[in-house]
PDB file of N, CA and C in Angstrom:
ATOM      1  N   UNK A   1       9.510   5.012 -22.715  1.00  0.00           N
ATOM      2  CA  UNK A   1       8.849   6.155 -22.142  1.00  0.00           C
ATOM      3  C   UNK A   1       7.717   6.576 -23.078  1.00  0.00           C
ATOM      4  N   UNK A   2       6.476   6.655 -22.592  1.00  0.00           N
ATOM      5  CA  UNK A   2       5.348   7.014 -23.453  1.00  0.00           C
ATOM      6  C   UNK A   2       5.524   8.401 -24.072  1.00  0.00           C
ATOM      7  N   UNK A   3       5.080   8.524 -25.308  1.00  0.00           N
ATOM      8  CA  UNK A   3       5.121   9.808 -26.002  1.00  0.00           C
ATOM      9  C   UNK A   3       3.817  10.553 -25.734  1.00  0.00           C
ATOM     10  N   UNK A   4       3.890  11.870 -25.682  1.00  0.00           N
ATOM     11  CA  UNK A   4       2.727  12.700 -25.362  1.00  0.00           C
ATOM     12  C   UNK A   4       2.297  13.514 -26.578  1.00  0.00           C
ATOM     13  N   UNK A   5       0.991  13.844 -26.671  1.00  0.00           N
ATOM     14  CA  UNK A   5       0.531  14.706 -27.754  1.00  0.00           C
ATOM     15  C   UNK A   5       1.335  16.009 -27.790  1.00  0.00           C
ATOM     16  N   UNK A   6       1.638  16.460 -28.993  1.00  0.00           N
ATOM     17  CA  UNK A   6       2.425  17.667 -29.278  1.00  0.00           C
ATOM     18  C   UNK A   6       3.918  17.502 -29.023  1.00  0.00           C
ATOM     19  N   UNK A   7       4.347  16.373 -28.494  1.00  0.00           N
ATOM     20  CA  UNK A   7       5.780  16.125 -28.315  1.00  0.00           C
ATOM     21  C   UNK A   7       6.432  15.964 -29.684  1.00  0.00           C
ATOM     22  N   UNK A   8       7.655  16.454 -29.829  1.00  0.00           N
ATOM     23  CA  UNK A   8       8.406  16.313 -31.078  1.00  0.00           C
ATOM     24  C   UNK A   8       9.410  15.182 -30.926  1.00  0.00           C
ATOM     25  N   UNK A   9       9.510  14.372 -31.957  1.00  0.00           N
ATOM     26  CA  UNK A   9      10.463  13.274 -32.022  1.00  0.00           C
ATOM     27  C   UNK A   9      11.070  13.338 -33.417  1.00  0.00           C
ATOM     28  N   UNK A  10      12.310  13.801 -33.495  1.00  0.00           N
ATOM     29  CA  UNK A  10      12.917  14.087 -34.792  1.00  0.00           C
ATOM     30  C   UNK A  10      12.016  15.082 -35.523  1.00  0.00           C
ATOM     31  N   UNK A  11      11.632  14.779 -36.762  1.00  0.00           N
ATOM     32  CA  UNK A  11      10.777  15.699 -37.516  1.00  0.00           C
ATOM     33  C   UNK A  11       9.286  15.399 -37.343  1.00  0.00           C
ATOM     34  N   UNK A  12       8.947  14.545 -36.410  1.00  0.00           N
ATOM     35  CA  UNK A  12       7.566  14.108 -36.229  1.00  0.00           C
ATOM     36  C   UNK A  12       6.946  14.754 -34.989  1.00  0.00           C
ATOM     37  N   UNK A  13       5.710  15.223 -35.139  1.00  0.00           N
ATOM     38  CA  UNK A  13       4.971  15.762 -34.006  1.00  0.00           C
ATOM     39  C   UNK A  13       3.891  14.752 -33.643  1.00  0.00           C
ATOM     40  N   UNK A  14       3.920  14.299 -32.404  1.00  0.00           N
ATOM     41  CA  UNK A  14       2.960  13.297 -31.935  1.00  0.00           C
ATOM     42  C   UNK A  14       1.577  13.933 -31.848  1.00  0.00           C
ATOM     43  N   UNK A  15       0.587  13.231 -32.394  1.00  0.00           N
ATOM     44  CA  UNK A  15      -0.799  13.701 -32.337  1.00  0.00           C
ATOM     45  C   UNK A  15      -1.565  12.955 -31.255  1.00  0.00           C
ATOM     46  N   UNK A  16      -1.525  11.610 -31.323  1.00  0.00           N
ATOM     47  CA  UNK A  16      -2.224  10.825 -30.291  1.00  0.00           C
ATOM     48  C   UNK A  16      -1.773   9.375 -30.334  1.00  0.00           C
ATOM     49  N   UNK A  17      -2.068   8.658 -29.262  1.00  0.00           N
ATOM     50  CA  UNK A  17      -1.782   7.224 -29.164  1.00  0.00           C
ATOM     51  C   UNK A  17      -2.875   6.476 -29.916  1.00  0.00           C
ATOM     52  N   UNK A  18      -2.476   5.511 -30.747  1.00  0.00           N
ATOM     53  CA  UNK A  18      -3.442   4.706 -31.496  1.00  0.00           C
ATOM     54  C   UNK A  18      -3.714   3.364 -30.837  1.00  0.00           C
ATOM     55  N   UNK A  19      -2.693   2.751 -30.259  1.00  0.00           N
ATOM     56  CA  UNK A  19      -2.879   1.444 -29.651  1.00  0.00           C
ATOM     57  C   UNK A  19      -1.564   0.832 -29.222  1.00  0.00           C
ATOM     58  N   UNK A  20      -1.673  -0.379 -28.700  1.00  0.00           N
ATOM     59  CA  UNK A  20      -0.485  -1.075 -28.210  1.00  0.00           C
ATOM     60  C   UNK A  20      -0.558  -2.533 -28.619  1.00  0.00           C
ATOM     61  N   UNK A  21       0.600  -3.088 -28.970  1.00  0.00           N
ATOM     62  CA  UNK A  21       0.689  -4.482 -29.360  1.00  0.00           C
ATOM     63  C   UNK A  21       1.858  -5.156 -28.677  1.00  0.00           C
ATOM     64  N   UNK A  22       2.212  -6.329 -29.156  1.00  0.00           N
ATOM     65  CA  UNK A  22       3.277  -7.118 -28.535  1.00  0.00           C
ATOM     66  C   UNK A  22       4.636  -6.437 -28.611  1.00  0.00           C
ATOM     67  N   UNK A  23       4.933  -5.768 -29.740  1.00  0.00           N
ATOM     68  CA  UNK A  23       6.240  -5.131 -29.905  1.00  0.00           C
ATOM     69  C   UNK A  23       6.302  -3.733 -29.301  1.00  0.00           C
ATOM     70  N   UNK A  24       5.173  -3.039 -29.218  1.00  0.00           N
ATOM     71  CA  UNK A  24       5.233  -1.674 -28.694  1.00  0.00           C
ATOM     72  C   UNK A  24       3.939  -0.906 -28.862  1.00  0.00           C
ATOM     73  N   UNK A  25       4.041   0.401 -28.654  1.00  0.00           N
ATOM     74  CA  UNK A  25       2.911   1.317 -28.734  1.00  0.00           C
ATOM     75  C   UNK A  25       2.976   2.081 -30.052  1.00  0.00           C
ATOM     76  N   UNK A  26       1.809   2.280 -30.672  1.00  0.00           N
ATOM     77  CA  UNK A  26       1.734   2.976 -31.956  1.00  0.00           C
ATOM     78  C   UNK A  26       1.037   4.322 -31.755  1.00  0.00           C
ATOM     79  N   UNK A  27       1.634   5.350 -32.362  1.00  0.00           N
ATOM     80  CA  UNK A  27       1.121   6.713 -32.272  1.00  0.00           C
ATOM     81  C   UNK A  27       0.858   7.266 -33.665  1.00  0.00           C
ATOM     82  N   UNK A  28      -0.154   8.115 -33.769  1.00  0.00           N
ATOM     83  CA  UNK A  28      -0.360   8.912 -34.969  1.00  0.00           C
ATOM     84  C   UNK A  28       0.523  10.141 -34.825  1.00  0.00           C
ATOM     85  N   UNK A  29       1.260  10.471 -35.882  1.00  0.00           N
ATOM     86  CA  UNK A  29       2.140  11.638 -35.846  1.00  0.00           C
ATOM     87  C   UNK A  29       2.085  12.364 -37.178  1.00  0.00           C
ATOM     88  N   UNK A  30       2.568  13.591 -37.161  1.00  0.00           N
ATOM     89  CA  UNK A  30       2.647  14.400 -38.380  1.00  0.00           C
ATOM     90  C   UNK A  30       4.106  14.579 -38.746  1.00  0.00           C
ATOM     91  N   UNK A  31       4.453  14.203 -39.973  1.00  0.00           N
ATOM     92  CA  UNK A  31       5.802  14.412 -40.494  1.00  0.00           C
ATOM     93  C   UNK A  31       5.866  15.875 -40.924  1.00  0.00           C
ATOM     94  N   UNK A  32       6.592  16.693 -40.157  1.00  0.00           N
ATOM     95  CA  UNK A  32       6.619  18.132 -40.415  1.00  0.00           C
ATOM     96  C   UNK A  32       7.440  18.495 -41.645  1.00  0.00           C
ATOM     97  N   UNK A  33       8.314  17.613 -42.101  1.00  0.00           N
ATOM     98  CA  UNK A  33       9.105  17.896 -43.295  1.00  0.00           C
ATOM     99  C   UNK A  33       8.349  17.573 -44.580  1.00  0.00           C
ATOM    100  N   UNK A  34       7.643  16.445 -44.581  1.00  0.00           N
ATOM    101  CA  UNK A  34       6.933  16.006 -45.785  1.00  0.00           C
ATOM    102  C   UNK A  34       5.433  16.291 -45.726  1.00  0.00           C
ATOM    103  N   UNK A  35       4.968  16.891 -44.627  1.00  0.00           N
ATOM    104  CA  UNK A  35       3.566  17.273 -44.453  1.00  0.00           C
ATOM    105  C   UNK A  35       2.630  16.101 -44.726  1.00  0.00           C
ATOM    106  N   UNK A  36       2.798  15.042 -43.944  1.00  0.00           N
ATOM    107  CA  UNK A  36       1.940  13.862 -44.088  1.00  0.00           C
ATOM    108  C   UNK A  36       1.770  13.197 -42.727  1.00  0.00           C
ATOM    109  N   UNK A  37       0.740  12.383 -42.624  1.00  0.00           N
ATOM    110  CA  UNK A  37       0.513  11.607 -41.411  1.00  0.00           C
ATOM    111  C   UNK A  37       1.308  10.316 -41.481  1.00  0.00           C
ATOM    112  N   UNK A  38       1.868   9.917 -40.353  1.00  0.00           N
ATOM    113  CA  UNK A  38       2.592   8.652 -40.253  1.00  0.00           C
ATOM    114  C   UNK A  38       2.201   7.982 -38.949  1.00  0.00           C
ATOM    115  N   UNK A  39       2.461   6.706 -38.880  1.00  0.00           N
ATOM    116  CA  UNK A  39       2.327   5.972 -37.628  1.00  0.00           C
ATOM    117  C   UNK A  39       3.734   5.735 -37.100  1.00  0.00           C
ATOM    118  N   UNK A  40       3.915   5.940 -35.807  1.00  0.00           N
ATOM    119  CA  UNK A  40       5.205   5.705 -35.166  1.00  0.00           C
ATOM    120  C   UNK A  40       5.035   4.572 -34.174  1.00  0.00           C
ATOM    121  N   UNK A  41       5.877   3.566 -34.303  1.00  0.00           N
ATOM    122  CA  UNK A  41       5.856   2.461 -33.349  1.00  0.00           C
ATOM    123  C   UNK A  41       7.045   2.623 -32.412  1.00  0.00           C
ATOM    124  N   UNK A  42       6.750   2.794 -31.125  1.00  0.00           N
ATOM    125  CA  UNK A  42       7.783   2.870 -30.093  1.00  0.00           C
ATOM    126  C   UNK A  42       7.863   1.497 -29.434  1.00  0.00           C
ATOM    127  N   UNK A  43       9.007   0.859 -29.543  1.00  0.00           N
ATOM    128  CA  UNK A  43       9.164  -0.490 -29.012  1.00  0.00           C
ATOM    129  C   UNK A  43       9.129  -0.510 -27.491  1.00  0.00           C
ATOM    130  N   UNK A  44       8.609  -1.607 -26.952  1.00  0.00           N
ATOM    131  CA  UNK A  44       8.635  -1.793 -25.506  1.00  0.00           C
ATOM    132  C   UNK A  44      10.081  -1.981 -25.051  1.00  0.00           C
ATOM    133  N   UNK A  45      10.327  -1.736 -23.782  1.00  0.00           N
ATOM    134  CA  UNK A  45      11.661  -1.968 -23.216  1.00  0.00           C
ATOM    135  C   UNK A  45      12.027  -3.438 -23.388  1.00  0.00           C
ATOM    136  N   UNK A  46      11.054  -4.329 -23.201  1.00  0.00           N
ATOM    137  CA  UNK A  46      11.319  -5.768 -23.340  1.00  0.00           C
ATOM    138  C   UNK A  46      11.790  -6.102 -24.754  1.00  0.00           C
ATOM    139  N   UNK A  47      11.152  -5.519 -25.759  1.00  0.00           N
ATOM    140  CA  UNK A  47      11.560  -5.772 -27.147  1.00  0.00           C
ATOM    141  C   UNK A  47      12.929  -5.172 -27.433  1.00  0.00           C
ATOM    142  N   UNK A  48      13.198  -3.992 -26.876  1.00  0.00           N
ATOM    143  CA  UNK A  48      14.491  -3.343 -27.091  1.00  0.00           C
ATOM    144  C   UNK A  48      15.642  -4.134 -26.477  1.00  0.00           C
ATOM    145  N   UNK A  49      15.397  -4.744 -25.330  1.00  0.00           N
ATOM    146  CA  UNK A  49      16.485  -5.395 -24.594  1.00  0.00           C
ATOM    147  C   UNK A  49      16.586  -6.892 -24.840  1.00  0.00           C
ATOM    148  N   UNK A  50      15.544  -7.512 -25.371  1.00  0.00           N
ATOM    149  CA  UNK A  50      15.576  -8.942 -25.679  1.00  0.00           C
ATOM    150  C   UNK A  50      16.098  -9.095 -27.107  1.00  0.00           C
ATOM    151  N   UNK A  51      17.309  -9.591 -27.251  1.00  0.00           N
ATOM    152  CA  UNK A  51      17.945  -9.674 -28.574  1.00  0.00           C
ATOM    153  C   UNK A  51      17.116 -10.478 -29.573  1.00  0.00           C
ATOM    154  N   UNK A  52      16.520 -11.587 -29.130  1.00  0.00           N
ATOM    155  CA  UNK A  52      15.720 -12.413 -30.041  1.00  0.00           C
ATOM    156  C   UNK A  52      14.477 -11.650 -30.506  1.00  0.00           C
ATOM    157  N   UNK A  53      13.804 -10.953 -29.579  1.00  0.00           N
ATOM    158  CA  UNK A  53      12.609 -10.181 -29.934  1.00  0.00           C
ATOM    159  C   UNK A  53      12.974  -9.022 -30.851  1.00  0.00           C
ATOM    160  N   UNK A  54      14.086  -8.341 -30.563  1.00  0.00           N
ATOM    161  CA  UNK A  54      14.515  -7.224 -31.401  1.00  0.00           C
ATOM    162  C   UNK A  54      14.887  -7.710 -32.799  1.00  0.00           C
ATOM    163  N   UNK A  55      15.558  -8.846 -32.873  1.00  0.00           N
ATOM    164  CA  UNK A  55      15.927  -9.418 -34.174  1.00  0.00           C
ATOM    165  C   UNK A  55      14.671  -9.758 -34.978  1.00  0.00           C
ATOM    166  N   UNK A  56      13.653 -10.325 -34.317  1.00  0.00           N
ATOM    167  CA  UNK A  56      12.393 -10.662 -34.982  1.00  0.00           C
ATOM    168  C   UNK A  56      11.706  -9.381 -35.489  1.00  0.00           C
ATOM    169  N   UNK A  57      11.695  -8.328 -34.659  1.00  0.00           N
ATOM    170  CA  UNK A  57      11.122  -7.048 -35.075  1.00  0.00           C
ATOM    171  C   UNK A  57      11.847  -6.508 -36.306  1.00  0.00           C
ATOM    172  N   UNK A  58      13.177  -6.550 -36.295  1.00  0.00           N
ATOM    173  CA  UNK A  58      13.964  -6.040 -37.419  1.00  0.00           C
ATOM    174  C   UNK A  58      13.704  -6.848 -38.691  1.00  0.00           C
ATOM    175  N   UNK A  59      13.577  -8.171 -38.559  1.00  0.00           N
ATOM    176  CA  UNK A  59      13.282  -9.009 -39.725  1.00  0.00           C
ATOM    177  C   UNK A  59      11.931  -8.627 -40.322  1.00  0.00           C
ATOM    178  N   UNK A  60      10.927  -8.439 -39.457  1.00  0.00           N
ATOM    179  CA  UNK A  60       9.601  -8.055 -39.936  1.00  0.00           C
ATOM    180  C   UNK A  60       9.627  -6.666 -40.574  1.00  0.00           C
ATOM    181  N   UNK A  61      10.366  -5.735 -39.971  1.00  0.00           N
ATOM    182  CA  UNK A  61      10.457  -4.376 -40.522  1.00  0.00           C
ATOM    183  C   UNK A  61      11.137  -4.389 -41.884  1.00  0.00           C
ATOM    184  N   UNK A  62      12.208  -5.145 -42.011  1.00  0.00           N
ATOM    185  CA  UNK A  62      12.907  -5.232 -43.301  1.00  0.00           C
ATOM    186  C   UNK A  62      12.021  -5.881 -44.365  1.00  0.00           C
ATOM    187  N   UNK A  63      11.312  -6.927 -43.973  1.00  0.00           N
ATOM    188  CA  UNK A  63      10.421  -7.601 -44.925  1.00  0.00           C
ATOM    189  C   UNK A  63       9.314  -6.646 -45.375  1.00  0.00           C
ATOM    190  N   UNK A  64       8.679  -5.966 -44.431  1.00  0.00           N
ATOM    191  CA  UNK A  64       7.609  -5.024 -44.779  1.00  0.00           C
ATOM    192  C   UNK A  64       8.154  -3.850 -45.584  1.00  0.00           C
ATOM    193  N   UNK A  65       9.367  -3.416 -45.268  1.00  0.00           N
ATOM    194  CA  UNK A  65       9.973  -2.297 -45.985  1.00  0.00           C
ATOM    195  C   UNK A  65      10.340  -2.618 -47.419  1.00  0.00           C
ATOM    196  N   UNK A  66      10.471  -3.899 -47.724  1.00  0.00           N
ATOM    197  CA  UNK A  66      10.842  -4.290 -49.090  1.00  0.00           C
ATOM    198  C   UNK A  66       9.622  -4.549 -49.970  1.00  0.00           C
ATOM    199  N   UNK A  67       8.432  -4.484 -49.384  1.00  0.00           N
ATOM    200  CA  UNK A  67       7.203  -4.766 -50.123  1.00  0.00           C
ATOM    201  C   UNK A  67       6.440  -3.484 -50.414  1.00  0.00           C
ATOM    202  N   UNK A  68       5.664  -3.505 -51.478  1.00  0.00           N
ATOM    203  CA  UNK A  68       4.800  -2.389 -51.823  1.00  0.00           C
ATOM    204  C   UNK A  68       3.459  -2.972 -52.243  1.00  0.00           C
ATOM    205  N   UNK A  69       2.521  -2.978 -51.310  1.00  0.00           N
ATOM    206  CA  UNK A  69       1.208  -3.564 -51.557  1.00  0.00           C
ATOM    207  C   UNK A  69       0.183  -2.786 -50.749  1.00  0.00           C
ATOM    208  N   UNK A  70      -0.986  -2.582 -51.309  1.00  0.00           N
ATOM    209  CA  UNK A  70      -1.988  -1.765 -50.622  1.00  0.00           C
ATOM    210  C   UNK A  70      -2.494  -2.368 -49.316  1.00  0.00           C
ATOM    211  N   UNK A  71      -2.267  -3.651 -49.078  1.00  0.00           N
ATOM    212  CA  UNK A  71      -2.717  -4.285 -47.841  1.00  0.00           C
ATOM    213  C   UNK A  71      -1.581  -4.511 -46.848  1.00  0.00           C
ATOM    214  N   UNK A  72      -0.406  -3.967 -47.134  1.00  0.00           N
ATOM    215  CA  UNK A  72       0.743  -4.114 -46.240  1.00  0.00           C
ATOM    216  C   UNK A  72       1.250  -2.726 -45.881  1.00  0.00           C
ATOM    217  N   UNK A  73       1.397  -2.473 -44.590  1.00  0.00           N
ATOM    218  CA  UNK A  73       1.915  -1.190 -44.121  1.00  0.00           C
ATOM    219  C   UNK A  73       3.363  -1.050 -44.560  1.00  0.00           C
ATOM    220  N   UNK A  74       3.695   0.081 -45.155  1.00  0.00           N
ATOM    221  CA  UNK A  74       5.061   0.350 -45.597  1.00  0.00           C
ATOM    222  C   UNK A  74       5.878   0.908 -44.446  1.00  0.00           C
ATOM    223  N   UNK A  75       7.074   0.386 -44.254  1.00  0.00           N
ATOM    224  CA  UNK A  75       8.003   0.916 -43.263  1.00  0.00           C
ATOM    225  C   UNK A  75       8.840   1.973 -43.966  1.00  0.00           C
ATOM    226  N   UNK A  76       8.827   3.197 -43.443  1.00  0.00           N
ATOM    227  CA  UNK A  76       9.570   4.299 -44.058  1.00  0.00           C
ATOM    228  C   UNK A  76      10.945   4.489 -43.446  1.00  0.00           C
ATOM    229  N   UNK A  77      11.078   4.227 -42.157  1.00  0.00           N
ATOM    230  CA  UNK A  77      12.362   4.487 -41.499  1.00  0.00           C
ATOM    231  C   UNK A  77      12.414   3.775 -40.161  1.00  0.00           C
ATOM    232  N   UNK A  78      13.620   3.505 -39.734  1.00  0.00           N
ATOM    233  CA  UNK A  78      13.865   3.048 -38.371  1.00  0.00           C
ATOM    234  C   UNK A  78      14.787   4.084 -37.753  1.00  0.00           C
ATOM    235  N   UNK A  79      14.350   4.673 -36.662  1.00  0.00           N
ATOM    236  CA  UNK A  79      15.113   5.725 -35.986  1.00  0.00           C
ATOM    237  C   UNK A  79      15.546   5.194 -34.630  1.00  0.00           C
ATOM    238  N   UNK A  80      16.808   5.196 -34.388  1.00  0.00           N
ATOM    239  CA  UNK A  80      17.400   4.636 -33.175  1.00  0.00           C
ATOM    240  C   UNK A  80      16.893   3.221 -32.954  1.00  0.00           C
ATOM    241  N   UNK A  81      17.185   2.650 -31.844  1.00  0.00           N
ATOM    242  CA  UNK A  81      16.841   1.246 -31.618  1.00  0.00           C
ATOM    243  C   UNK A  81      15.367   1.047 -31.284  1.00  0.00           C
ATOM    244  N   UNK A  82      14.656   2.094 -30.946  1.00  0.00           N
ATOM    245  CA  UNK A  82      13.311   1.890 -30.411  1.00  0.00           C
ATOM    246  C   UNK A  82      12.172   2.494 -31.220  1.00  0.00           C
ATOM    247  N   UNK A  83      12.441   3.078 -32.386  1.00  0.00           N
ATOM    248  CA  UNK A  83      11.388   3.794 -33.108  1.00  0.00           C
ATOM    249  C   UNK A  83      11.295   3.326 -34.557  1.00  0.00           C
ATOM    250  N   UNK A  84      10.092   3.017 -35.014  1.00  0.00           N
ATOM    251  CA  UNK A  84       9.834   2.706 -36.421  1.00  0.00           C
ATOM    252  C   UNK A  84       8.806   3.678 -36.975  1.00  0.00           C
ATOM    253  N   UNK A  85       8.995   4.126 -38.218  1.00  0.00           N
ATOM    254  CA  UNK A  85       8.075   5.060 -38.871  1.00  0.00           C
ATOM    255  C   UNK A  85       7.370   4.311 -39.996  1.00  0.00           C
ATOM    256  N   UNK A  86       6.018   4.328 -39.970  1.00  0.00           N
ATOM    257  CA  UNK A  86       5.229   3.538 -40.903  1.00  0.00           C
ATOM    258  C   UNK A  86       4.144   4.381 -41.547  1.00  0.00           C
ATOM    259  N   UNK A  87       3.539   3.839 -42.618  1.00  0.00           N
ATOM    260  CA  UNK A  87       2.345   4.458 -43.184  1.00  0.00           C
ATOM    261  C   UNK A  87       1.283   4.536 -42.108  1.00  0.00           C
ATOM    262  N   UNK A  88       0.442   5.571 -42.171  1.00  0.00           N
ATOM    263  CA  UNK A  88      -0.731   5.638 -41.320  1.00  0.00           C
ATOM    264  C   UNK A  88      -1.942   5.373 -42.193  1.00  0.00           C
ATOM    265  N   UNK A  89      -2.732   4.374 -41.842  1.00  0.00           N
ATOM    266  CA  UNK A  89      -3.967   4.054 -42.548  1.00  0.00           C
ATOM    267  C   UNK A  89      -5.141   4.540 -41.721  1.00  0.00           C
ATOM    268  N   UNK A  90      -5.979   5.364 -42.311  1.00  0.00           N
ATOM    269  CA  UNK A  90      -7.200   5.807 -41.660  1.00  0.00           C
ATOM    270  C   UNK A  90      -8.277   4.792 -42.029  1.00  0.00           C
ATOM    271  N   UNK A  91      -8.544   3.850 -41.121  1.00  0.00           N
ATOM    272  CA  UNK A  91      -9.463   2.759 -41.432  1.00  0.00           C
ATOM    273  C   UNK A  91     -10.909   3.224 -41.535  1.00  0.00           C
ATOM    274  N   UNK A  92     -11.208   4.435 -41.070  1.00  0.00           N
ATOM    275  CA  UNK A  92     -12.571   4.936 -41.242  1.00  0.00           C
ATOM    276  C   UNK A  92     -12.827   5.308 -42.703  1.00  0.00           C
ATOM    277  N   UNK A  93     -11.744   5.568 -43.458  1.00  0.00           N
ATOM    278  CA  UNK A  93     -11.892   5.895 -44.878  1.00  0.00           C
ATOM    279  C   UNK A  93     -11.170   4.905 -45.777  1.00  0.00           C
ATOM    280  N   UNK A  94     -10.398   3.992 -45.183  1.00  0.00           N
ATOM    281  CA  UNK A  94      -9.593   3.007 -45.917  1.00  0.00           C
ATOM    282  C   UNK A  94      -8.551   3.666 -46.817  1.00  0.00           C
ATOM    283  N   UNK A  95      -8.073   4.830 -46.431  1.00  0.00           N
ATOM    284  CA  UNK A  95      -7.088   5.563 -47.217  1.00  0.00           C
ATOM    285  C   UNK A  95      -5.775   5.684 -46.458  1.00  0.00           C
ATOM    286  N   UNK A  96      -4.688   5.650 -47.208  1.00  0.00           N
ATOM    287  CA  UNK A  96      -3.384   5.959 -46.639  1.00  0.00           C
ATOM    288  C   UNK A  96      -3.268   7.468 -46.637  1.00  0.00           C
ATOM    289  N   UNK A  97      -2.862   8.044 -45.505  1.00  0.00           N
ATOM    290  CA  UNK A  97      -2.705   9.505 -45.458  1.00  0.00           C
ATOM    291  C   UNK A  97      -1.268   9.875 -45.234  1.00  0.00           C
TER     292      UNK A  97
END
């Protein structure tokens, strides 16, 4: 189900949709507890229900979550089966916010 601007999801307030890829849709959100911008990836229904696709997503999330490099998005959390919380990179300034 698409997320809407100003919608709350756990401690995150959705700001806007950033884009869509093979695994799901990515949104810019505000972490209201830590006062920072994050990217939220909401998995597609197909990814959620296809065990092989979900396993591949989890492997990639775990791999990215174990790395710390300025050119790799950090995974901060996985919430329920369909939501991932990641660093938000503002490519207009090349800064992590």
